N, C-alpha and C. Protein backbone atom coordinates (compact mmCIF):
# COMPACT_ATOMS: atom_id res chain seq x y z
N MET A 1 -2.59 30.04 -8.94
CA MET A 1 -2.50 28.65 -9.32
C MET A 1 -3.38 27.80 -8.40
N LEU A 2 -3.90 26.74 -8.94
CA LEU A 2 -4.79 25.84 -8.21
C LEU A 2 -4.01 24.96 -7.24
N LYS A 3 -4.46 24.90 -6.01
CA LYS A 3 -3.85 24.04 -5.00
C LYS A 3 -4.66 22.76 -4.88
N ALA A 4 -4.07 21.72 -4.33
CA ALA A 4 -4.73 20.41 -4.22
C ALA A 4 -6.05 20.50 -3.48
N ALA A 5 -6.08 21.21 -2.35
CA ALA A 5 -7.33 21.32 -1.58
C ALA A 5 -8.43 21.98 -2.41
N GLU A 6 -8.07 22.99 -3.20
CA GLU A 6 -9.05 23.65 -4.08
C GLU A 6 -9.55 22.70 -5.16
N LEU A 7 -8.66 21.89 -5.70
CA LEU A 7 -9.04 20.91 -6.73
C LEU A 7 -10.10 19.96 -6.18
N PHE A 8 -9.86 19.44 -4.99
CA PHE A 8 -10.82 18.50 -4.40
C PHE A 8 -12.12 19.21 -4.04
N ASP A 9 -12.05 20.43 -3.54
CA ASP A 9 -13.27 21.19 -3.23
C ASP A 9 -14.11 21.43 -4.49
N ARG A 10 -13.47 21.86 -5.56
CA ARG A 10 -14.19 22.17 -6.80
C ARG A 10 -14.83 20.94 -7.42
N THR A 11 -14.20 19.78 -7.23
CA THR A 11 -14.74 18.55 -7.82
C THR A 11 -15.62 17.79 -6.85
N GLN A 12 -15.80 18.34 -5.64
CA GLN A 12 -16.62 17.75 -4.58
C GLN A 12 -16.17 16.33 -4.24
N LEU A 13 -14.84 16.14 -4.25
CA LEU A 13 -14.26 14.86 -3.84
C LEU A 13 -13.66 14.99 -2.46
N LYS A 14 -13.62 13.90 -1.72
CA LYS A 14 -13.07 13.89 -0.37
C LYS A 14 -11.57 13.62 -0.45
N MET A 15 -10.77 14.48 0.19
CA MET A 15 -9.33 14.27 0.23
C MET A 15 -9.01 13.37 1.43
N CYS A 16 -8.24 12.31 1.19
CA CYS A 16 -7.91 11.35 2.24
C CYS A 16 -6.44 11.41 2.65
N GLY A 17 -5.72 12.42 2.26
CA GLY A 17 -4.28 12.52 2.53
C GLY A 17 -4.02 13.65 3.48
N PRO A 18 -2.83 14.11 3.51
CA PRO A 18 -1.71 13.78 2.63
C PRO A 18 -0.92 12.57 3.11
N VAL A 19 -0.12 12.04 2.19
CA VAL A 19 0.78 10.93 2.49
C VAL A 19 2.17 11.38 2.06
N PRO A 20 3.13 11.42 2.98
CA PRO A 20 4.48 11.85 2.60
C PRO A 20 5.11 10.93 1.56
N TRP A 21 5.98 11.51 0.73
CA TRP A 21 6.67 10.76 -0.32
C TRP A 21 7.44 9.60 0.31
N GLY A 22 7.36 8.42 -0.30
CA GLY A 22 8.08 7.24 0.19
C GLY A 22 7.30 6.45 1.22
N THR A 23 6.10 6.91 1.56
CA THR A 23 5.25 6.23 2.53
C THR A 23 4.17 5.45 1.79
N SER A 24 3.84 4.27 2.28
CA SER A 24 2.78 3.48 1.66
C SER A 24 1.44 4.19 1.82
N VAL A 25 0.61 4.08 0.81
CA VAL A 25 -0.74 4.66 0.85
C VAL A 25 -1.66 3.65 1.50
N ALA A 26 -2.27 4.01 2.62
CA ALA A 26 -3.13 3.10 3.36
C ALA A 26 -4.52 2.96 2.72
N GLU A 27 -4.91 3.92 1.90
CA GLU A 27 -6.24 3.90 1.27
C GLU A 27 -6.31 2.75 0.27
N ALA A 28 -7.33 1.90 0.40
CA ALA A 28 -7.48 0.74 -0.48
C ALA A 28 -8.47 0.99 -1.62
N ALA A 29 -9.24 2.06 -1.54
CA ALA A 29 -10.26 2.33 -2.57
C ALA A 29 -9.62 2.97 -3.80
N SER A 30 -10.28 2.79 -4.94
CA SER A 30 -9.83 3.48 -6.14
C SER A 30 -10.22 4.95 -6.01
N GLY A 31 -9.59 5.80 -6.80
CA GLY A 31 -9.91 7.21 -6.72
C GLY A 31 -8.93 8.06 -7.49
N ILE A 32 -8.93 9.34 -7.20
CA ILE A 32 -8.04 10.30 -7.83
C ILE A 32 -6.84 10.51 -6.91
N TYR A 33 -5.66 10.40 -7.48
CA TYR A 33 -4.43 10.60 -6.71
C TYR A 33 -3.70 11.81 -7.27
N VAL A 34 -3.20 12.66 -6.38
CA VAL A 34 -2.56 13.91 -6.77
C VAL A 34 -1.19 13.99 -6.09
N ILE A 35 -0.14 14.25 -6.88
CA ILE A 35 1.19 14.48 -6.34
C ILE A 35 1.41 15.99 -6.32
N THR A 36 1.78 16.50 -5.16
CA THR A 36 2.01 17.94 -5.01
C THR A 36 3.38 18.19 -4.40
N LEU A 37 3.81 19.42 -4.51
CA LEU A 37 5.04 19.88 -3.86
C LEU A 37 4.68 20.62 -2.59
N ALA A 38 5.37 20.35 -1.51
CA ALA A 38 5.13 21.07 -0.27
C ALA A 38 5.58 22.52 -0.40
N ASP A 39 6.66 22.74 -1.16
CA ASP A 39 7.20 24.09 -1.34
C ASP A 39 7.60 24.27 -2.81
N PRO A 40 6.70 24.71 -3.67
CA PRO A 40 7.02 24.89 -5.09
C PRO A 40 8.23 25.79 -5.33
N ALA A 41 8.49 26.73 -4.43
CA ALA A 41 9.61 27.65 -4.60
C ALA A 41 10.96 26.95 -4.42
N SER A 42 10.95 25.73 -3.87
CA SER A 42 12.20 25.01 -3.63
C SER A 42 12.74 24.31 -4.87
N VAL A 43 11.97 24.26 -5.95
CA VAL A 43 12.41 23.58 -7.18
C VAL A 43 13.47 24.41 -7.87
N LEU A 44 14.58 23.78 -8.20
CA LEU A 44 15.67 24.45 -8.91
C LEU A 44 15.42 24.30 -10.41
N VAL A 45 14.73 25.27 -10.97
CA VAL A 45 14.34 25.22 -12.38
C VAL A 45 15.55 25.12 -13.30
N ASP A 46 16.67 25.70 -12.91
CA ASP A 46 17.87 25.66 -13.74
C ASP A 46 18.41 24.26 -13.98
N VAL A 47 18.08 23.30 -13.11
CA VAL A 47 18.58 21.94 -13.28
C VAL A 47 17.65 21.08 -14.14
N LEU A 48 16.48 21.61 -14.46
CA LEU A 48 15.58 20.89 -15.36
C LEU A 48 16.16 20.90 -16.78
N PRO A 49 15.92 19.84 -17.56
CA PRO A 49 16.39 19.86 -18.95
C PRO A 49 15.81 21.07 -19.69
N ALA A 50 16.62 21.70 -20.51
CA ALA A 50 16.20 22.92 -21.22
C ALA A 50 14.90 22.71 -21.98
N ALA A 51 14.72 21.53 -22.57
CA ALA A 51 13.51 21.24 -23.35
C ALA A 51 12.26 21.17 -22.47
N LYS A 52 12.42 20.96 -21.17
CA LYS A 52 11.28 20.85 -20.25
C LYS A 52 11.06 22.12 -19.43
N ARG A 53 12.05 22.96 -19.34
CA ARG A 53 12.01 24.14 -18.48
C ARG A 53 10.82 25.05 -18.76
N HIS A 54 10.46 25.20 -20.02
CA HIS A 54 9.36 26.11 -20.38
C HIS A 54 8.00 25.60 -19.89
N ARG A 55 7.92 24.32 -19.55
CA ARG A 55 6.66 23.74 -19.06
C ARG A 55 6.43 23.97 -17.58
N TRP A 56 7.46 24.40 -16.87
CA TRP A 56 7.36 24.52 -15.42
C TRP A 56 6.64 25.79 -15.02
N ASN A 57 5.62 25.66 -14.19
CA ASN A 57 4.90 26.80 -13.60
C ASN A 57 5.43 26.97 -12.19
N ALA A 58 6.21 28.00 -11.98
CA ALA A 58 6.95 28.18 -10.72
C ALA A 58 6.09 28.14 -9.46
N ASP A 59 4.88 28.61 -9.51
CA ASP A 59 4.04 28.65 -8.31
C ASP A 59 3.06 27.49 -8.21
N GLN A 60 3.15 26.53 -9.10
CA GLN A 60 2.18 25.44 -9.14
C GLN A 60 2.54 24.36 -8.12
N GLU A 61 1.61 24.05 -7.26
CA GLU A 61 1.77 23.02 -6.24
C GLU A 61 1.54 21.62 -6.82
N ILE A 62 0.54 21.49 -7.68
CA ILE A 62 0.17 20.18 -8.25
C ILE A 62 1.12 19.86 -9.40
N ILE A 63 1.73 18.65 -9.35
CA ILE A 63 2.62 18.27 -10.44
C ILE A 63 2.14 17.04 -11.20
N TYR A 64 1.19 16.28 -10.64
CA TYR A 64 0.71 15.09 -11.36
C TYR A 64 -0.64 14.68 -10.78
N ILE A 65 -1.55 14.29 -11.66
CA ILE A 65 -2.88 13.81 -11.27
C ILE A 65 -3.17 12.53 -12.05
N TRP A 66 -3.67 11.50 -11.39
CA TRP A 66 -4.07 10.31 -12.11
C TRP A 66 -5.23 9.64 -11.39
N LYS A 67 -5.90 8.77 -12.11
CA LYS A 67 -7.04 8.02 -11.56
C LYS A 67 -6.60 6.60 -11.25
N GLY A 68 -6.76 6.20 -10.01
CA GLY A 68 -6.47 4.82 -9.61
C GLY A 68 -7.72 3.98 -9.86
N ASN A 69 -7.61 3.00 -10.74
CA ASN A 69 -8.78 2.22 -11.13
C ASN A 69 -9.09 1.03 -10.23
N GLU A 70 -8.09 0.58 -9.51
CA GLU A 70 -8.37 -0.58 -8.66
C GLU A 70 -7.56 -0.45 -7.37
N ALA A 71 -7.99 -1.18 -6.36
CA ALA A 71 -7.30 -1.15 -5.08
C ALA A 71 -5.93 -1.82 -5.21
N PHE A 72 -5.01 -1.39 -4.36
CA PHE A 72 -3.66 -1.96 -4.34
C PHE A 72 -3.60 -3.17 -3.47
């Protein structure tokens, strides 16, 4: 499975993180933001809704990617 560092390497983008969950992001520039899990094995798949469970990739670190269009 693709890890965040590999994603940034492959796309030749500079990674400016990580930023722990619940912490303000100090970066003011627009860019690509990636939410990852520190320990994918810690997710309790059994508690996910049955309709969503089949979408979960147990070893996947990256859970969300989006493009920030403007500074905060």
